[in-house]
Amino acid sequence: QEKLQYDPEFGIVRIEIVGGELLYA
């Protein structure tokens, strides 16, 4: 898989979903 080029200091984002709704990111 290609290594995605993103800002390592910002990091990646994880989105948590419960019951079809956003819980938090």
mmCIF file of all heavy atoms, coordinates in Angstrom:
data_MODEL
# 
_entry.id   MODEL 
# 
loop_
_atom_site.group_PDB 
_atom_site.id 
_atom_site.type_symbol 
_atom_site.label_atom_id 
_atom_site.label_alt_id 
_atom_site.label_comp_id 
_atom_site.label_asym_id 
_atom_site.label_entity_id 
_atom_site.label_seq_id 
_atom_site.pdbx_PDB_ins_code 
_atom_site.Cartn_x 
_atom_site.Cartn_y 
_atom_site.Cartn_z 
_atom_site.occupancy 
_atom_site.B_iso_or_equiv 
_atom_site.pdbx_formal_charge 
_atom_site.auth_seq_id 
_atom_site.auth_comp_id 
_atom_site.auth_asym_id 
_atom_site.auth_atom_id 
_atom_site.pdbx_PDB_model_num 
ATOM 1   N N   . GLN A 1 1  ? 0.842   -1.200 0.000  1.00 0.00 ? 1  GLN A N   1 
ATOM 2   C CA  . GLN A 1 1  ? 0.000   0.000  0.000  1.00 0.00 ? 1  GLN A CA  1 
ATOM 3   C C   . GLN A 1 1  ? 0.876   1.249  0.000  1.00 0.00 ? 1  GLN A C   1 
ATOM 4   O O   . GLN A 1 1  ? 1.878   1.322  0.716  1.00 0.00 ? 1  GLN A O   1 
ATOM 5   C CB  . GLN A 1 1  ? -0.889  -0.005 1.243  1.00 0.00 ? 1  GLN A CB  1 
ATOM 6   C CG  . GLN A 1 1  ? -1.932  1.090  1.272  1.00 0.00 ? 1  GLN A CG  1 
ATOM 7   C CD  . GLN A 1 1  ? -2.924  0.856  2.410  1.00 0.00 ? 1  GLN A CD  1 
ATOM 8   O OE1 . GLN A 1 1  ? -2.772  1.390  3.494  1.00 0.00 ? 1  GLN A OE1 1 
ATOM 9   N NE2 . GLN A 1 1  ? -3.925  0.019  2.151  1.00 0.00 ? 1  GLN A NE2 1 
ATOM 10  N N   . GLU A 1 2  ? 0.488   2.213  -0.822 1.00 0.00 ? 2  GLU A N   1 
ATOM 11  C CA  . GLU A 1 2  ? 1.249   3.458  -0.863 1.00 0.00 ? 2  GLU A CA  1 
ATOM 12  C C   . GLU A 1 2  ? 1.339   4.075  0.535  1.00 0.00 ? 2  GLU A C   1 
ATOM 13  O O   . GLU A 1 2  ? 0.396   4.013  1.325  1.00 0.00 ? 2  GLU A O   1 
ATOM 14  C CB  . GLU A 1 2  ? 0.602   4.457  -1.815 1.00 0.00 ? 2  GLU A CB  1 
ATOM 15  C CG  . GLU A 1 2  ? -0.756  4.970  -1.374 1.00 0.00 ? 2  GLU A CG  1 
ATOM 16  C CD  . GLU A 1 2  ? -1.255  6.120  -2.235 1.00 0.00 ? 2  GLU A CD  1 
ATOM 17  O OE1 . GLU A 1 2  ? -0.466  7.065  -2.463 1.00 0.00 ? 2  GLU A OE1 1 
ATOM 18  O OE2 . GLU A 1 2  ? -2.426  6.066  -2.662 1.00 0.00 ? 2  GLU A OE2 1 
ATOM 19  N N   . LYS A 1 3  ? 2.487   4.635  0.854  1.00 0.00 ? 3  LYS A N   1 
ATOM 20  C CA  . LYS A 1 3  ? 2.651   5.345  2.116  1.00 0.00 ? 3  LYS A CA  1 
ATOM 21  C C   . LYS A 1 3  ? 2.083   6.750  1.945  1.00 0.00 ? 3  LYS A C   1 
ATOM 22  O O   . LYS A 1 3  ? 2.594   7.553  1.169  1.00 0.00 ? 3  LYS A O   1 
ATOM 23  C CB  . LYS A 1 3  ? 4.123   5.418  2.519  1.00 0.00 ? 3  LYS A CB  1 
ATOM 24  C CG  . LYS A 1 3  ? 4.334   6.082  3.869  1.00 0.00 ? 3  LYS A CG  1 
ATOM 25  C CD  . LYS A 1 3  ? 5.804   6.183  4.232  1.00 0.00 ? 3  LYS A CD  1 
ATOM 26  C CE  . LYS A 1 3  ? 5.963   6.875  5.592  1.00 0.00 ? 3  LYS A CE  1 
ATOM 27  N NZ  . LYS A 1 3  ? 7.395   7.038  5.945  1.00 0.00 ? 3  LYS A NZ  1 
ATOM 28  N N   . LEU A 1 4  ? 1.019   7.020  2.665  1.00 0.00 ? 4  LEU A N   1 
ATOM 29  C CA  . LEU A 1 4  ? 0.347   8.305  2.519  1.00 0.00 ? 4  LEU A CA  1 
ATOM 30  C C   . LEU A 1 4  ? 1.238   9.429  3.035  1.00 0.00 ? 4  LEU A C   1 
ATOM 31  O O   . LEU A 1 4  ? 1.819   9.330  4.122  1.00 0.00 ? 4  LEU A O   1 
ATOM 32  C CB  . LEU A 1 4  ? -0.983  8.283  3.272  1.00 0.00 ? 4  LEU A CB  1 
ATOM 33  C CG  . LEU A 1 4  ? -2.007  7.262  2.753  1.00 0.00 ? 4  LEU A CG  1 
ATOM 34  C CD1 . LEU A 1 4  ? -3.229  7.232  3.655  1.00 0.00 ? 4  LEU A CD1 1 
ATOM 35  C CD2 . LEU A 1 4  ? -2.409  7.589  1.314  1.00 0.00 ? 4  LEU A CD2 1 
ATOM 36  N N   . GLN A 1 5  ? 1.321   10.496 2.261  1.00 0.00 ? 5  GLN A N   1 
ATOM 37  C CA  . GLN A 1 5  ? 2.168   11.628 2.617  1.00 0.00 ? 5  GLN A CA  1 
ATOM 38  C C   . GLN A 1 5  ? 1.332   12.670 3.357  1.00 0.00 ? 5  GLN A C   1 
ATOM 39  O O   . GLN A 1 5  ? 0.594   13.450 2.757  1.00 0.00 ? 5  GLN A O   1 
ATOM 40  C CB  . GLN A 1 5  ? 2.787   12.224 1.351  1.00 0.00 ? 5  GLN A CB  1 
ATOM 41  C CG  . GLN A 1 5  ? 3.627   11.232 0.556  1.00 0.00 ? 5  GLN A CG  1 
ATOM 42  C CD  . GLN A 1 5  ? 4.763   10.637 1.378  1.00 0.00 ? 5  GLN A CD  1 
ATOM 43  O OE1 . GLN A 1 5  ? 5.503   11.344 2.055  1.00 0.00 ? 5  GLN A OE1 1 
ATOM 44  N NE2 . GLN A 1 5  ? 4.906   9.310  1.311  1.00 0.00 ? 5  GLN A NE2 1 
ATOM 45  N N   . TYR A 1 6  ? 1.430   12.642 4.669  1.00 0.00 ? 6  TYR A N   1 
ATOM 46  C CA  . TYR A 1 6  ? 0.685   13.584 5.508  1.00 0.00 ? 6  TYR A CA  1 
ATOM 47  C C   . TYR A 1 6  ? 1.636   14.193 6.529  1.00 0.00 ? 6  TYR A C   1 
ATOM 48  O O   . TYR A 1 6  ? 2.770   13.734 6.702  1.00 0.00 ? 6  TYR A O   1 
ATOM 49  C CB  . TYR A 1 6  ? -0.487  12.882 6.199  1.00 0.00 ? 6  TYR A CB  1 
ATOM 50  C CG  . TYR A 1 6  ? -0.080  11.781 7.155  1.00 0.00 ? 6  TYR A CG  1 
ATOM 51  C CD1 . TYR A 1 6  ? 0.153   12.052 8.500  1.00 0.00 ? 6  TYR A CD1 1 
ATOM 52  C CD2 . TYR A 1 6  ? 0.072   10.472 6.710  1.00 0.00 ? 6  TYR A CD2 1 
ATOM 53  C CE1 . TYR A 1 6  ? 0.536   11.045 9.383  1.00 0.00 ? 6  TYR A CE1 1 
ATOM 54  C CE2 . TYR A 1 6  ? 0.458   9.466  7.579  1.00 0.00 ? 6  TYR A CE2 1 
ATOM 55  C CZ  . TYR A 1 6  ? 0.683   9.759  8.913  1.00 0.00 ? 6  TYR A CZ  1 
ATOM 56  O OH  . TYR A 1 6  ? 1.065   8.768  9.772  1.00 0.00 ? 6  TYR A OH  1 
ATOM 57  N N   . ASP A 1 7  ? 1.166   15.206 7.209  1.00 0.00 ? 7  ASP A N   1 
ATOM 58  C CA  . ASP A 1 7  ? 1.980   15.908 8.201  1.00 0.00 ? 7  ASP A CA  1 
ATOM 59  C C   . ASP A 1 7  ? 2.121   15.030 9.444  1.00 0.00 ? 7  ASP A C   1 
ATOM 60  O O   . ASP A 1 7  ? 1.129   14.823 10.160 1.00 0.00 ? 7  ASP A O   1 
ATOM 61  C CB  . ASP A 1 7  ? 1.316   17.238 8.565  1.00 0.00 ? 7  ASP A CB  1 
ATOM 62  C CG  . ASP A 1 7  ? 2.108   18.039 9.584  1.00 0.00 ? 7  ASP A CG  1 
ATOM 63  O OD1 . ASP A 1 7  ? 3.149   17.549 10.062 1.00 0.00 ? 7  ASP A OD1 1 
ATOM 64  O OD2 . ASP A 1 7  ? 1.667   19.163 9.922  1.00 0.00 ? 7  ASP A OD2 1 
ATOM 65  N N   . PRO A 1 8  ? 3.304   14.491 9.729  1.00 0.00 ? 8  PRO A N   1 
ATOM 66  C CA  . PRO A 1 8  ? 3.439   13.593 10.886 1.00 0.00 ? 8  PRO A CA  1 
ATOM 67  C C   . PRO A 1 8  ? 3.226   14.294 12.219 1.00 0.00 ? 8  PRO A C   1 
ATOM 68  O O   . PRO A 1 8  ? 2.869   13.651 13.207 1.00 0.00 ? 8  PRO A O   1 
ATOM 69  C CB  . PRO A 1 8  ? 4.872   13.060 10.758 1.00 0.00 ? 8  PRO A CB  1 
ATOM 70  C CG  . PRO A 1 8  ? 5.593   14.097 9.963  1.00 0.00 ? 8  PRO A CG  1 
ATOM 71  C CD  . PRO A 1 8  ? 4.585   14.669 9.016  1.00 0.00 ? 8  PRO A CD  1 
ATOM 72  N N   . GLU A 1 9  ? 3.427   15.605 12.271 1.00 0.00 ? 9  GLU A N   1 
ATOM 73  C CA  . GLU A 1 9  ? 3.192   16.323 13.528 1.00 0.00 ? 9  GLU A CA  1 
ATOM 74  C C   . GLU A 1 9  ? 1.709   16.484 13.801 1.00 0.00 ? 9  GLU A C   1 
ATOM 75  O O   . GLU A 1 9  ? 1.296   16.547 14.962 1.00 0.00 ? 9  GLU A O   1 
ATOM 76  C CB  . GLU A 1 9  ? 3.889   17.687 13.489 1.00 0.00 ? 9  GLU A CB  1 
ATOM 77  C CG  . GLU A 1 9  ? 5.412   17.587 13.440 1.00 0.00 ? 9  GLU A CG  1 
ATOM 78  C CD  . GLU A 1 9  ? 6.079   18.936 13.541 1.00 0.00 ? 9  GLU A CD  1 
ATOM 79  O OE1 . GLU A 1 9  ? 5.358   19.958 13.717 1.00 0.00 ? 9  GLU A OE1 1 
ATOM 80  O OE2 . GLU A 1 9  ? 7.317   18.982 13.456 1.00 0.00 ? 9  GLU A OE2 1 
ATOM 81  N N   . PHE A 1 10 ? 0.921   16.580 12.750 1.00 0.00 ? 10 PHE A N   1 
ATOM 82  C CA  . PHE A 1 10 ? -0.539  16.601 12.913 1.00 0.00 ? 10 PHE A CA  1 
ATOM 83  C C   . PHE A 1 10 ? -1.058  15.197 13.201 1.00 0.00 ? 10 PHE A C   1 
ATOM 84  O O   . PHE A 1 10 ? -1.959  14.998 13.999 1.00 0.00 ? 10 PHE A O   1 
ATOM 85  C CB  . PHE A 1 10 ? -1.196  17.164 11.656 1.00 0.00 ? 10 PHE A CB  1 
ATOM 86  C CG  . PHE A 1 10 ? -2.702  17.166 11.695 1.00 0.00 ? 10 PHE A CG  1 
ATOM 87  C CD1 . PHE A 1 10 ? -3.384  18.206 12.293 1.00 0.00 ? 10 PHE A CD1 1 
ATOM 88  C CD2 . PHE A 1 10 ? -3.428  16.125 11.125 1.00 0.00 ? 10 PHE A CD2 1 
ATOM 89  C CE1 . PHE A 1 10 ? -4.785  18.211 12.339 1.00 0.00 ? 10 PHE A CE1 1 
ATOM 90  C CE2 . PHE A 1 10 ? -4.817  16.124 11.158 1.00 0.00 ? 10 PHE A CE2 1 
ATOM 91  C CZ  . PHE A 1 10 ? -5.483  17.171 11.767 1.00 0.00 ? 10 PHE A CZ  1 
ATOM 92  N N   . GLY A 1 11 ? -0.480  14.198 12.533 1.00 0.00 ? 11 GLY A N   1 
ATOM 93  C CA  . GLY A 1 11 ? -0.882  12.815 12.719 1.00 0.00 ? 11 GLY A CA  1 
ATOM 94  C C   . GLY A 1 11 ? -2.039  12.420 11.835 1.00 0.00 ? 11 GLY A C   1 
ATOM 95  O O   . GLY A 1 11 ? -2.388  13.091 10.866 1.00 0.00 ? 11 GLY A O   1 
ATOM 96  N N   . ILE A 1 12 ? -2.638  11.299 12.170 1.00 0.00 ? 12 ILE A N   1 
ATOM 97  C CA  . ILE A 1 12 ? -3.821  10.823 11.457 1.00 0.00 ? 12 ILE A CA  1 
ATOM 98  C C   . ILE A 1 12 ? -5.050  11.114 12.324 1.00 0.00 ? 12 ILE A C   1 
ATOM 99  O O   . ILE A 1 12 ? -4.924  11.553 13.482 1.00 0.00 ? 12 ILE A O   1 
ATOM 100 C CB  . ILE A 1 12 ? -3.720  9.326  11.118 1.00 0.00 ? 12 ILE A CB  1 
ATOM 101 C CG1 . ILE A 1 12 ? -3.630  8.453  12.393 1.00 0.00 ? 12 ILE A CG1 1 
ATOM 102 C CG2 . ILE A 1 12 ? -2.520  9.075  10.222 1.00 0.00 ? 12 ILE A CG2 1 
ATOM 103 C CD1 . ILE A 1 12 ? -4.928  7.931  12.912 1.00 0.00 ? 12 ILE A CD1 1 
ATOM 104 N N   . VAL A 1 13 ? -6.216  10.877 11.788 1.00 0.00 ? 13 VAL A N   1 
ATOM 105 C CA  . VAL A 1 13 ? -7.458  11.136 12.515 1.00 0.00 ? 13 VAL A CA  1 
ATOM 106 C C   . VAL A 1 13 ? -8.230  9.832  12.651 1.00 0.00 ? 13 VAL A C   1 
ATOM 107 O O   . VAL A 1 13 ? -8.338  9.055  11.697 1.00 0.00 ? 13 VAL A O   1 
ATOM 108 C CB  . VAL A 1 13 ? -8.320  12.192 11.796 1.00 0.00 ? 13 VAL A CB  1 
ATOM 109 C CG1 . VAL A 1 13 ? -9.647  12.387 12.533 1.00 0.00 ? 13 VAL A CG1 1 
ATOM 110 C CG2 . VAL A 1 13 ? -7.568  13.506 11.689 1.00 0.00 ? 13 VAL A CG2 1 
ATOM 111 N N   . ARG A 1 14 ? -8.745  9.605  13.845 1.00 0.00 ? 14 ARG A N   1 
ATOM 112 C CA  . ARG A 1 14 ? -9.606  8.442  14.094 1.00 0.00 ? 14 ARG A CA  1 
ATOM 113 C C   . ARG A 1 14 ? -10.986 8.955  14.488 1.00 0.00 ? 14 ARG A C   1 
ATOM 114 O O   . ARG A 1 14 ? -11.109 9.779  15.412 1.00 0.00 ? 14 ARG A O   1 
ATOM 115 C CB  . ARG A 1 14 ? -9.036  7.547  15.179 1.00 0.00 ? 14 ARG A CB  1 
ATOM 116 C CG  . ARG A 1 14 ? -9.904  6.306  15.449 1.00 0.00 ? 14 ARG A CG  1 
ATOM 117 C CD  . ARG A 1 14 ? -9.210  5.351  16.388 1.00 0.00 ? 14 ARG A CD  1 
ATOM 118 N NE  . ARG A 1 14 ? -10.081 4.248  16.792 1.00 0.00 ? 14 ARG A NE  1 
ATOM 119 C CZ  . ARG A 1 14 ? -9.820  2.971  16.580 1.00 0.00 ? 14 ARG A CZ  1 
ATOM 120 N NH1 . ARG A 1 14 ? -8.722  2.629  15.938 1.00 0.00 ? 14 ARG A NH1 1 
ATOM 121 N NH2 . ARG A 1 14 ? -10.641 2.029  16.990 1.00 0.00 ? 14 ARG A NH2 1 
ATOM 122 N N   . ILE A 1 15 ? -11.992 8.473  13.779 1.00 0.00 ? 15 ILE A N   1 
ATOM 123 C CA  . ILE A 1 15 ? -13.382 8.852  14.020 1.00 0.00 ? 15 ILE A CA  1 
ATOM 124 C C   . ILE A 1 15 ? -14.094 7.681  14.671 1.00 0.00 ? 15 ILE A C   1 
ATOM 125 O O   . ILE A 1 15 ? -14.088 6.571  14.132 1.00 0.00 ? 15 ILE A O   1 
ATOM 126 C CB  . ILE A 1 15 ? -14.079 9.247  12.703 1.00 0.00 ? 15 ILE A CB  1 
ATOM 127 C CG1 . ILE A 1 15 ? -13.451 10.521 12.126 1.00 0.00 ? 15 ILE A CG1 1 
ATOM 128 C CG2 . ILE A 1 15 ? -15.581 9.434  12.915 1.00 0.00 ? 15 ILE A CG2 1 
ATOM 129 C CD1 . ILE A 1 15 ? -13.999 10.909 10.775 1.00 0.00 ? 15 ILE A CD1 1 
ATOM 130 N N   . GLU A 1 16 ? -14.690 7.922  15.826 1.00 0.00 ? 16 GLU A N   1 
ATOM 131 C CA  . GLU A 1 16 ? -15.427 6.874  16.540 1.00 0.00 ? 16 GLU A CA  1 
ATOM 132 C C   . GLU A 1 16 ? -16.926 7.047  16.310 1.00 0.00 ? 16 GLU A C   1 
ATOM 133 O O   . GLU A 1 16 ? -17.469 8.143  16.467 1.00 0.00 ? 16 GLU A O   1 
ATOM 134 C CB  . GLU A 1 16 ? -15.129 6.930  18.040 1.00 0.00 ? 16 GLU A CB  1 
ATOM 135 C CG  . GLU A 1 16 ? -13.664 6.720  18.395 1.00 0.00 ? 16 GLU A CG  1 
ATOM 136 C CD  . GLU A 1 16 ? -13.198 5.278  18.209 1.00 0.00 ? 16 GLU A CD  1 
ATOM 137 O OE1 . GLU A 1 16 ? -14.020 4.426  17.804 1.00 0.00 ? 16 GLU A OE1 1 
ATOM 138 O OE2 . GLU A 1 16 ? -12.010 5.014  18.467 1.00 0.00 ? 16 GLU A OE2 1 
ATOM 139 N N   . ILE A 1 17 ? -17.571 5.947  15.929 1.00 0.00 ? 17 ILE A N   1 
ATOM 140 C CA  . ILE A 1 17 ? -18.997 5.941  15.607 1.00 0.00 ? 17 ILE A CA  1 
ATOM 141 C C   . ILE A 1 17 ? -19.698 4.936  16.510 1.00 0.00 ? 17 ILE A C   1 
ATOM 142 O O   . ILE A 1 17 ? -19.231 3.807  16.677 1.00 0.00 ? 17 ILE A O   1 
ATOM 143 C CB  . ILE A 1 17 ? -19.210 5.573  14.129 1.00 0.00 ? 17 ILE A CB  1 
ATOM 144 C CG1 . ILE A 1 17 ? -18.646 6.671  13.223 1.00 0.00 ? 17 ILE A CG1 1 
ATOM 145 C CG2 . ILE A 1 17 ? -20.692 5.333  13.838 1.00 0.00 ? 17 ILE A CG2 1 
ATOM 146 C CD1 . ILE A 1 17 ? -18.610 6.291  11.770 1.00 0.00 ? 17 ILE A CD1 1 
ATOM 147 N N   . VAL A 1 18 ? -20.814 5.346  17.071 1.00 0.00 ? 18 VAL A N   1 
ATOM 148 C CA  . VAL A 1 18 ? -21.653 4.456  17.871 1.00 0.00 ? 18 VAL A CA  1 
ATOM 149 C C   . VAL A 1 18 ? -23.093 4.602  17.381 1.00 0.00 ? 18 VAL A C   1 
ATOM 150 O O   . VAL A 1 18 ? -23.654 5.706  17.389 1.00 0.00 ? 18 VAL A O   1 
ATOM 151 C CB  . VAL A 1 18 ? -21.576 4.787  19.377 1.00 0.00 ? 18 VAL A CB  1 
ATOM 152 C CG1 . VAL A 1 18 ? -22.568 3.918  20.167 1.00 0.00 ? 18 VAL A CG1 1 
ATOM 153 C CG2 . VAL A 1 18 ? -20.163 4.575  19.903 1.00 0.00 ? 18 VAL A CG2 1 
ATOM 154 N N   . GLY A 1 19 ? -23.664 3.510  16.923 1.00 0.00 ? 19 GLY A N   1 
ATOM 155 C CA  . GLY A 1 19 ? -25.059 3.527  16.485 1.00 0.00 ? 19 GLY A CA  1 
ATOM 156 C C   . GLY A 1 19 ? -25.323 4.458  15.324 1.00 0.00 ? 19 GLY A C   1 
ATOM 157 O O   . GLY A 1 19 ? -26.380 5.089  15.254 1.00 0.00 ? 19 GLY A O   1 
ATOM 158 N N   . GLY A 1 20 ? -24.370 4.546  14.383 1.00 0.00 ? 20 GLY A N   1 
ATOM 159 C CA  . GLY A 1 20 ? -24.579 5.375  13.210 1.00 0.00 ? 20 GLY A CA  1 
ATOM 160 C C   . GLY A 1 20 ? -24.412 6.856  13.446 1.00 0.00 ? 20 GLY A C   1 
ATOM 161 O O   . GLY A 1 20 ? -24.786 7.665  12.585 1.00 0.00 ? 20 GLY A O   1 
ATOM 162 N N   . GLU A 1 21 ? -23.836 7.249  14.588 1.00 0.00 ? 21 GLU A N   1 
ATOM 163 C CA  . GLU A 1 21 ? -23.633 8.664  14.894 1.00 0.00 ? 21 GLU A CA  1 
ATOM 164 C C   . GLU A 1 21 ? -22.197 8.891  15.357 1.00 0.00 ? 21 GLU A C   1 
ATOM 165 O O   . GLU A 1 21 ? -21.570 7.998  15.952 1.00 0.00 ? 21 GLU A O   1 
ATOM 166 C CB  . GLU A 1 21 ? -24.601 9.124  15.992 1.00 0.00 ? 21 GLU A CB  1 
ATOM 167 C CG  . GLU A 1 21 ? -26.070 9.013  15.618 1.00 0.00 ? 21 GLU A CG  1 
ATOM 168 C CD  . GLU A 1 21 ? -26.989 9.431  16.755 1.00 0.00 ? 21 GLU A CD  1 
ATOM 169 O OE1 . GLU A 1 21 ? -26.462 9.666  17.870 1.00 0.00 ? 21 GLU A OE1 1 
ATOM 170 O OE2 . GLU A 1 21 ? -28.201 9.519  16.537 1.00 0.00 ? 21 GLU A OE2 1 
ATOM 171 N N   . LEU A 1 22 ? -21.693 10.102 15.089 1.00 0.00 ? 22 LEU A N   1 
ATOM 172 C CA  . LEU A 1 22 ? -20.363 10.466 15.552 1.00 0.00 ? 22 LEU A CA  1 
ATOM 173 C C   . LEU A 1 22 ? -20.334 10.533 17.075 1.00 0.00 ? 22 LEU A C   1 
ATOM 174 O O   . LEU A 1 22 ? -21.173 11.201 17.691 1.00 0.00 ? 22 LEU A O   1 
ATOM 175 C CB  . LEU A 1 22 ? -19.967 11.830 14.981 1.00 0.00 ? 22 LEU A CB  1 
ATOM 176 C CG  . LEU A 1 22 ? -18.664 12.437 15.519 1.00 0.00 ? 22 LEU A CG  1 
ATOM 177 C CD1 . LEU A 1 22 ? -17.455 11.631 15.076 1.00 0.00 ? 22 LEU A CD1 1 
ATOM 178 C CD2 . LEU A 1 22 ? -18.532 13.894 15.078 1.00 0.00 ? 22 LEU A CD2 1 
ATOM 179 N N   . LEU A 1 23 ? -19.376 9.809  17.676 1.00 0.00 ? 23 LEU A N   1 
ATOM 180 C CA  . LEU A 1 23 ? -19.157 9.932  19.116 1.00 0.00 ? 23 LEU A CA  1 
ATOM 181 C C   . LEU A 1 23 ? -18.113 11.011 19.373 1.00 0.00 ? 23 LEU A C   1 
ATOM 182 O O   . LEU A 1 23 ? -18.366 11.966 20.100 1.00 0.00 ? 23 LEU A O   1 
ATOM 183 C CB  . LEU A 1 23 ? -18.702 8.590  19.701 1.00 0.00 ? 23 LEU A CB  1 
ATOM 184 C CG  . LEU A 1 23 ? -18.498 8.562  21.223 1.00 0.00 ? 23 LEU A CG  1 
ATOM 185 C CD1 . LEU A 1 23 ? -19.832 8.764  21.943 1.00 0.00 ? 23 LEU A CD1 1 
ATOM 186 C CD2 . LEU A 1 23 ? -17.845 7.254  21.663 1.00 0.00 ? 23 LEU A CD2 1 
ATOM 187 N N   . TYR A 1 24 ? -16.941 10.856 18.777 1.00 0.00 ? 24 TYR A N   1 
ATOM 188 C CA  . TYR A 1 24 ? -15.912 11.889 18.833 1.00 0.00 ? 24 TYR A CA  1 
ATOM 189 C C   . TYR A 1 24 ? -14.853 11.577 17.781 1.00 0.00 ? 24 TYR A C   1 
ATOM 190 O O   . TYR A 1 24 ? -14.840 10.490 17.183 1.00 0.00 ? 24 TYR A O   1 
ATOM 191 C CB  . TYR A 1 24 ? -15.285 11.997 20.230 1.00 0.00 ? 24 TYR A CB  1 
ATOM 192 C CG  . TYR A 1 24 ? -14.551 10.757 20.710 1.00 0.00 ? 24 TYR A CG  1 
ATOM 193 C CD1 . TYR A 1 24 ? -13.307 10.395 20.203 1.00 0.00 ? 24 TYR A CD1 1 
ATOM 194 C CD2 . TYR A 1 24 ? -15.104 9.944  21.702 1.00 0.00 ? 24 TYR A CD2 1 
ATOM 195 C CE1 . TYR A 1 24 ? -12.642 9.268  20.647 1.00 0.00 ? 24 TYR A CE1 1 
ATOM 196 C CE2 . TYR A 1 24 ? -14.446 8.816  22.160 1.00 0.00 ? 24 TYR A CE2 1 
ATOM 197 C CZ  . TYR A 1 24 ? -13.209 8.486  21.617 1.00 0.00 ? 24 TYR A CZ  1 
ATOM 198 O OH  . TYR A 1 24 ? -12.553 7.364  22.055 1.00 0.00 ? 24 TYR A OH  1 
ATOM 199 N N   . ALA A 1 25 ? -13.964 12.529 17.564 1.00 0.00 ? 25 ALA A N   1 
ATOM 200 C CA  . ALA A 1 25 ? -12.813 12.334 16.692 1.00 0.00 ? 25 ALA A CA  1 
ATOM 201 C C   . ALA A 1 25 ? -11.560 12.754 17.443 1.00 0.00 ? 25 ALA A C   1 
ATOM 202 O O   . ALA A 1 25 ? -11.604 13.609 18.324 1.00 0.00 ? 25 ALA A O   1 
ATOM 203 C CB  . ALA A 1 25 ? -12.959 13.149 15.409 1.00 0.00 ? 25 ALA A CB  1 
# 
